[in-house]
Amino acid sequence: MSWDMRLIRPITPRKGKPIETLSNARAYVLTLPKTEQAKPHVVAGVKALMLAADRQVCEFVAQVAVAHIVNGPQSRSAAVNKIGHG
């Protein structure tokens, strides 16, 4: 498993440093309260990050997963539009 994969574009949470890699995303999730970590969109995002770290999905899936974790499940279209695929 490799957590060094870079996101297509950094995602900046309201609090904290920009998330640029899967490792940054993992560290961000670990700073969240347990109640936030247990929310369905975070759990799904973490599963996608693990697949990306294992190189089973592409960078785009990782990008959307991080956007979901940081901004909530409504963030998918915003993430896609920022990258230019929407």
Protein backbone atom coordinates (compact mmCIF):
# COMPACT_ATOMS: atom_id res chain seq x y z
CA MET A 1 0.00 0.00 0.00
CA SER A 2 1.33 3.42 -0.93
CA TRP A 3 -0.05 6.58 0.62
CA ASP A 4 2.18 8.91 -1.42
CA MET A 5 -0.27 9.28 -4.34
CA ARG A 6 -0.87 12.96 -5.03
CA LEU A 7 -4.35 14.33 -5.54
CA ILE A 8 -5.12 15.98 -8.85
CA ARG A 9 -5.65 19.27 -7.00
CA PRO A 10 -5.12 20.00 -3.31
CA ILE A 11 -8.25 20.30 -1.19
CA THR A 12 -8.14 22.79 1.67
CA PRO A 13 -10.36 22.09 4.67
CA ARG A 14 -11.80 25.01 6.62
CA LYS A 15 -9.32 24.27 9.37
CA GLY A 16 -5.91 22.87 8.66
CA LYS A 17 -3.37 22.51 5.89
CA PRO A 18 -4.17 21.67 2.27
CA ILE A 19 -4.59 17.96 1.58
CA GLU A 20 -2.23 17.10 -1.27
CA THR A 21 -1.64 13.35 -0.87
CA LEU A 22 -3.41 10.24 0.36
CA SER A 23 -1.18 10.42 3.43
CA ASN A 24 -2.42 13.95 4.15
CA ALA A 25 -6.01 12.72 3.75
CA ARG A 26 -5.41 9.84 6.16
CA ALA A 27 -3.91 12.22 8.72
CA TYR A 28 -6.87 14.58 8.30
CA VAL A 29 -9.38 11.80 8.94
CA LEU A 30 -7.54 10.79 12.09
CA THR A 31 -7.93 14.34 13.45
CA LEU A 32 -11.72 14.18 13.09
CA PRO A 33 -13.84 13.36 16.13
CA LYS A 34 -14.91 9.69 16.28
CA THR A 35 -18.53 10.71 15.64
CA GLU A 36 -17.47 12.42 12.38
CA GLN A 37 -15.28 9.46 11.37
CA ALA A 38 -18.30 7.18 11.72
CA LYS A 39 -20.49 9.17 9.30
CA PRO A 40 -21.34 7.23 6.13
CA HIS A 41 -19.69 9.70 3.73
CA VAL A 42 -16.43 9.58 5.72
CA VAL A 43 -16.47 5.77 5.97
CA ALA A 44 -17.09 5.50 2.20
CA GLY A 45 -14.36 8.06 1.53
CA VAL A 46 -11.85 6.16 3.65
CA LYS A 47 -12.65 2.93 1.79
CA ALA A 48 -11.99 4.71 -1.50
CA LEU A 49 -8.72 6.12 -0.14
CA MET A 50 -7.61 2.62 0.84
CA LEU A 51 -8.38 1.38 -2.68
CA ALA A 52 -6.41 4.30 -4.13
CA ALA A 53 -3.47 3.59 -1.82
CA ASP A 54 -3.56 0.00 -3.06
CA ARG A 55 -3.63 1.34 -6.67
CA GLN A 56 -6.99 -0.32 -7.36
CA VAL A 57 -8.64 2.96 -8.37
CA CYS A 58 -7.37 6.10 -10.11
CA GLU A 59 -6.46 9.53 -8.75
CA PHE A 60 -9.86 10.91 -9.72
CA VAL A 61 -11.61 8.51 -7.33
CA ALA A 62 -9.22 9.59 -4.58
CA GLN A 63 -9.95 13.25 -5.37
CA VAL A 64 -13.71 12.74 -5.08
CA ALA A 65 -13.25 10.67 -1.90
CA VAL A 66 -11.28 13.45 -0.21
CA ALA A 67 -13.84 16.04 -1.32
CA HIS A 68 -16.56 13.89 0.26
CA ILE A 69 -14.64 13.55 3.50
CA VAL A 70 -13.83 17.26 3.77
CA ASN A 71 -17.01 18.83 2.39
CA GLY A 72 -19.69 16.18 2.79
CA PRO A 73 -21.46 14.02 0.23
CA GLN A 74 -22.88 16.97 -1.74
CA SER A 75 -19.33 17.88 -2.84
CA ARG A 76 -19.02 15.41 -5.75
CA SER A 77 -20.24 17.77 -8.45
CA ALA A 78 -18.03 20.58 -7.19
CA ALA A 79 -14.98 18.30 -7.24
CA VAL A 80 -15.77 17.15 -10.76
CA ASN A 81 -16.34 20.69 -12.03
CA LYS A 82 -13.08 21.98 -10.53
CA ILE A 83 -11.16 19.30 -12.39
CA GLY A 84 -13.00 20.05 -15.60
CA HIS A 85 -14.85 16.78 -16.11
CA GLY A 86 -18.34 18.06 -15.30
